[in-house]
Amino acid sequence: ILEKVISCLGDVFVPDIYILQLGTDPLMEDPLSKWKLSNAGFIEAFRIVRDRFGEGVYLGGGGYNPISLTRAWTLLWCELSQREAPSRIHPEGENLLRSVEWEDFEENEDEYPYLFLKDPFRGGEIRKEIKDLALRVKSLIYS
């Protein structure tokens, strides 16, 4: 959906510069998320925008889960600096992530956020709300 929207936008809008706010609110672990993205989806969304419009100004942003935010921005930094993202988090990084105190709204027993940088594949059906949103966006683009 994003790829199609950005492609259409790029056909009519060629910015001299753009600013991209890279909040991690859409990540599944964020308590306010309605998108339920993995950090792989987050990075892919970034790539779609950058590939269409070139380099821009990138700002951090919101996100209410400091563990997923840290992991996503680490992947983003690897992307920006053209470095290979390690799959496993270094033991010092693991210890640092585990030391973060914050109010987790859901009890989460998953270990992978402390051990691995990239989220596991999160396949599944596209939710009805997302399909409805896509149809609304499509009607705006093609009206």
C-alpha atoms as a PDB file:
ATOM      1  CA  ILE A   1       0.000   0.000   0.000  1.00  0.00           C
ATOM      2  CA  LEU A   2       2.742   2.441   0.993  1.00  0.00           C
ATOM      3  CA  GLU A   3       4.753   1.603  -2.090  1.00  0.00           C
ATOM      4  CA  LYS A   4       1.803   2.401  -4.360  1.00  0.00           C
ATOM      5  CA  VAL A   5       0.935   5.626  -2.507  1.00  0.00           C
ATOM      6  CA  ILE A   6       4.547   6.865  -2.554  1.00  0.00           C
ATOM      7  CA  SER A   7       4.855   5.977  -6.239  1.00  0.00           C
ATOM      8  CA  CYS A   8       1.736   7.992  -7.089  1.00  0.00           C
ATOM      9  CA  LEU A   9       2.862  10.859  -4.881  1.00  0.00           C
ATOM     10  CA  GLY A  10       6.267  10.845  -6.556  1.00  0.00           C
ATOM     11  CA  ASP A  11       4.587  11.231  -9.948  1.00  0.00           C
ATOM     12  CA  VAL A  12       3.123  14.601  -8.962  1.00  0.00           C
ATOM     13  CA  PHE A  13       5.454  15.848  -6.233  1.00  0.00           C
ATOM     14  CA  VAL A  14       9.217  16.176  -6.559  1.00  0.00           C
ATOM     15  CA  PRO A  15      10.513  17.752  -3.354  1.00  0.00           C
ATOM     16  CA  ASP A  16      13.793  19.614  -3.151  1.00  0.00           C
ATOM     17  CA  ILE A  17      14.042  18.218   0.362  1.00  0.00           C
ATOM     18  CA  TYR A  18      11.833  16.142   2.608  1.00  0.00           C
ATOM     19  CA  ILE A  19      11.763  15.424   6.305  1.00  0.00           C
ATOM     20  CA  LEU A  20      10.850  11.976   7.543  1.00  0.00           C
ATOM     21  CA  GLN A  21       9.849  11.521  11.169  1.00  0.00           C
ATOM     22  CA  LEU A  22      10.792   7.967  12.139  1.00  0.00           C
ATOM     23  CA  GLY A  23       8.671   7.254  15.173  1.00  0.00           C
ATOM     24  CA  THR A  24       8.254   3.619  16.121  1.00  0.00           C
ATOM     25  CA  ASP A  25       4.591   3.833  17.084  1.00  0.00           C
ATOM     26  CA  PRO A  26       3.545   1.439  14.265  1.00  0.00           C
ATOM     27  CA  LEU A  27       5.607  -1.431  15.699  1.00  0.00           C
ATOM     28  CA  MET A  28       3.612  -4.321  17.123  1.00  0.00           C
ATOM     29  CA  GLU A  29       5.108  -3.979  20.615  1.00  0.00           C
ATOM     30  CA  ASP A  30       4.059  -0.358  20.918  1.00  0.00           C
ATOM     31  CA  PRO A  31       1.012  -0.209  23.204  1.00  0.00           C
ATOM     32  CA  LEU A  32      -0.658   2.404  20.984  1.00  0.00           C
ATOM     33  CA  SER A  33       0.041   0.604  17.701  1.00  0.00           C
ATOM     34  CA  LYS A  34      -2.756  -0.168  15.313  1.00  0.00           C
ATOM     35  CA  TRP A  35      -0.424  -1.218  12.509  1.00  0.00           C
ATOM     36  CA  LYS A  36       1.388  -4.089  14.249  1.00  0.00           C
ATOM     37  CA  LEU A  37       4.490  -3.767  12.041  1.00  0.00           C
ATOM     38  CA  SER A  38       7.683  -5.684  12.554  1.00  0.00           C
ATOM     39  CA  ASN A  39      10.901  -3.713  12.548  1.00  0.00           C
ATOM     40  CA  ALA A  40      11.548  -5.263   9.106  1.00  0.00           C
ATOM     41  CA  GLY A  41       8.348  -3.544   7.911  1.00  0.00           C
ATOM     42  CA  PHE A  42       9.511  -0.304   9.542  1.00  0.00           C
ATOM     43  CA  ILE A  43      12.826  -0.451   7.648  1.00  0.00           C
ATOM     44  CA  GLU A  44      11.093  -1.394   4.402  1.00  0.00           C
ATOM     45  CA  ALA A  45       8.775   1.627   4.721  1.00  0.00           C
ATOM     46  CA  PHE A  46      11.847   3.831   5.182  1.00  0.00           C
ATOM     47  CA  ARG A  47      13.463   2.296   2.078  1.00  0.00           C
ATOM     48  CA  ILE A  48      10.349   2.857  -0.028  1.00  0.00           C
ATOM     49  CA  VAL A  49      10.359   6.582   0.770  1.00  0.00           C
ATOM     50  CA  ARG A  50      14.133   7.000   0.393  1.00  0.00           C
ATOM     51  CA  ASP A  51      14.261   5.022  -2.861  1.00  0.00           C
ATOM     52  CA  ARG A  52      11.543   7.214  -4.384  1.00  0.00           C
ATOM     53  CA  PHE A  53      12.704  10.626  -3.130  1.00  0.00           C
ATOM     54  CA  GLY A  54      16.434  10.186  -2.443  1.00  0.00           C
ATOM     55  CA  GLU A  55      18.153  11.151   0.766  1.00  0.00           C
ATOM     56  CA  GLY A  56      16.221  13.345   3.160  1.00  0.00           C
ATOM     57  CA  VAL A  57      16.349  14.705   6.669  1.00  0.00           C
ATOM     58  CA  TYR A  58      15.579  11.957   9.167  1.00  0.00           C
ATOM     59  CA  LEU A  59      14.318  12.669  12.645  1.00  0.00           C
ATOM     60  CA  GLY A  60      13.685  10.376  15.559  1.00  0.00           C
ATOM     61  CA  GLY A  61      10.227  10.367  16.962  1.00  0.00           C
ATOM     62  CA  GLY A  62       7.764   8.751  19.264  1.00  0.00           C
ATOM     63  CA  GLY A  63       7.400   5.223  20.403  1.00  0.00           C
ATOM     64  CA  TYR A  64       6.235   3.869  23.719  1.00  0.00           C
ATOM     65  CA  ASN A  65       8.253   0.685  23.908  1.00  0.00           C
ATOM     66  CA  PRO A  66      11.913   1.546  24.503  1.00  0.00           C
ATOM     67  CA  ILE A  67      13.095  -1.967  23.653  1.00  0.00           C
ATOM     68  CA  SER A  68      11.464  -2.089  20.213  1.00  0.00           C
ATOM     69  CA  LEU A  69      12.391   1.562  19.592  1.00  0.00           C
ATOM     70  CA  THR A  70      16.064   0.871  20.315  1.00  0.00           C
ATOM     71  CA  ARG A  71      16.128  -2.181  18.074  1.00  0.00           C
ATOM     72  CA  ALA A  72      14.344  -0.403  15.190  1.00  0.00           C
ATOM     73  CA  TRP A  73      16.574   2.664  15.337  1.00  0.00           C
ATOM     74  CA  THR A  74      19.660   0.443  15.476  1.00  0.00           C
ATOM     75  CA  LEU A  75      18.498  -1.231  12.266  1.00  0.00           C
ATOM     76  CA  LEU A  76      17.815   2.192  10.785  1.00  0.00           C
ATOM     77  CA  TRP A  77      21.299   3.393  11.722  1.00  0.00           C
ATOM     78  CA  CYS A  78      22.783   0.306  10.044  1.00  0.00           C
ATOM     79  CA  GLU A  79      20.725   1.118   6.945  1.00  0.00           C
ATOM     80  CA  LEU A  80      21.813   4.771   6.881  1.00  0.00           C
ATOM     81  CA  SER A  81      25.479   3.975   7.467  1.00  0.00           C
ATOM     82  CA  GLN A  82      25.400   1.093   4.969  1.00  0.00           C
ATOM     83  CA  ARG A  83      26.488  -1.446   7.566  1.00  0.00           C
ATOM     84  CA  GLU A  84      25.384  -5.027   7.829  1.00  0.00           C
ATOM     85  CA  ALA A  85      22.949  -5.321  10.723  1.00  0.00           C
ATOM     86  CA  PRO A  86      24.025  -8.066  13.103  1.00  0.00           C
ATOM     87  CA  SER A  87      21.380 -10.685  13.689  1.00  0.00           C
ATOM     88  CA  ARG A  88      22.280 -11.302  17.315  1.00  0.00           C
ATOM     89  CA  ILE A  89      22.519  -8.541  19.912  1.00  0.00           C
ATOM     90  CA  HIS A  90      25.902  -8.330  21.630  1.00  0.00           C
ATOM     91  CA  PRO A  91      25.774  -9.522  25.280  1.00  0.00           C
ATOM     92  CA  GLU A  92      26.503  -5.976  26.515  1.00  0.00           C
ATOM     93  CA  GLY A  93      23.551  -4.713  24.478  1.00  0.00           C
ATOM     94  CA  GLU A  94      21.366  -7.491  25.830  1.00  0.00           C
ATOM     95  CA  ASN A  95      22.276  -6.526  29.392  1.00  0.00           C
ATOM     96  CA  LEU A  96      21.523  -2.877  28.648  1.00  0.00           C
ATOM     97  CA  LEU A  97      18.115  -3.708  27.137  1.00  0.00           C
ATOM     98  CA  ARG A  98      17.233  -5.910  30.091  1.00  0.00           C
ATOM     99  CA  SER A  99      18.146  -3.107  32.498  1.00  0.00           C
ATOM    100  CA  VAL A 100      15.599  -0.683  31.004  1.00  0.00           C
ATOM    101  CA  GLU A 101      12.771  -0.061  33.430  1.00  0.00           C
ATOM    102  CA  TRP A 102       9.460   0.926  31.915  1.00  0.00           C
ATOM    103  CA  GLU A 103       5.797   0.156  32.333  1.00  0.00           C
ATOM    104  CA  ASP A 104       5.068  -2.695  29.962  1.00  0.00           C
ATOM    105  CA  PHE A 105       1.312  -2.713  29.434  1.00  0.00           C
ATOM    106  CA  GLU A 106       1.261  -6.356  28.404  1.00  0.00           C
ATOM    107  CA  GLU A 107       3.167  -9.109  30.085  1.00  0.00           C
ATOM    108  CA  ASN A 108       5.574 -10.250  27.418  1.00  0.00           C
ATOM    109  CA  GLU A 109       7.612 -13.365  27.952  1.00  0.00           C
ATOM    110  CA  ASP A 110       9.369 -13.209  24.579  1.00  0.00           C
ATOM    111  CA  GLU A 111      13.136 -13.422  24.782  1.00  0.00           C
ATOM    112  CA  TYR A 112      13.897 -12.554  21.165  1.00  0.00           C
ATOM    113  CA  PRO A 113      13.780  -8.731  21.651  1.00  0.00           C
ATOM    114  CA  TYR A 114      16.740  -9.031  24.015  1.00  0.00           C
ATOM    115  CA  LEU A 115      18.682 -11.500  21.891  1.00  0.00           C
ATOM    116  CA  PHE A 116      18.017 -10.614  18.246  1.00  0.00           C
ATOM    117  CA  LEU A 117      17.965  -7.304  16.431  1.00  0.00           C
ATOM    118  CA  LYS A 118      15.425  -8.203  13.749  1.00  0.00           C
ATOM    119  CA  ASP A 119      11.883  -9.277  14.525  1.00  0.00           C
ATOM    120  CA  PRO A 120      10.763 -12.721  13.425  1.00  0.00           C
ATOM    121  CA  PHE A 121       8.434 -12.961  10.430  1.00  0.00           C
ATOM    122  CA  ARG A 122       4.924 -11.876  11.402  1.00  0.00           C
ATOM    123  CA  GLY A 123       2.837 -13.193   8.553  1.00  0.00           C
ATOM    124  CA  GLY A 124      -0.879 -13.446   8.626  1.00  0.00           C
ATOM    125  CA  GLU A 125      -3.936 -11.931   7.094  1.00  0.00           C
ATOM    126  CA  ILE A 126      -4.205  -8.220   6.489  1.00  0.00           C
ATOM    127  CA  ARG A 127      -6.680  -6.894   9.031  1.00  0.00           C
ATOM    128  CA  LYS A 128     -10.018  -5.468   7.859  1.00  0.00           C
ATOM    129  CA  GLU A 129      -9.155  -1.999   9.241  1.00  0.00           C
ATOM    130  CA  ILE A 130      -6.034  -1.882   7.068  1.00  0.00           C
ATOM    131  CA  LYS A 131      -7.925  -3.020   3.973  1.00  0.00           C
ATOM    132  CA  ASP A 132     -10.581  -0.356   4.628  1.00  0.00           C
ATOM    133  CA  LEU A 133      -7.896   2.309   5.041  1.00  0.00           C
ATOM    134  CA  ALA A 134      -6.241   1.198   1.791  1.00  0.00           C
ATOM    135  CA  LEU A 135      -9.546   1.537  -0.050  1.00  0.00           C
ATOM    136  CA  ARG A 136     -10.049   5.051   1.348  1.00  0.00           C
ATOM    137  CA  VAL A 137      -6.524   6.062   0.299  1.00  0.00           C
ATOM    138  CA  LYS A 138      -7.073   4.537  -3.139  1.00  0.00           C
ATOM    139  CA  SER A 139     -10.295   6.504  -3.585  1.00  0.00           C
ATOM    140  CA  LEU A 140      -8.467   9.732  -2.698  1.00  0.00           C
ATOM    141  CA  ILE A 141      -5.580   9.030  -5.066  1.00  0.00           C
ATOM    142  CA  TYR A 142      -7.745   8.036  -8.009  1.00  0.00           C
ATOM    143  CA  SER A 143     -10.572  10.539  -7.543  1.00  0.00           C
END
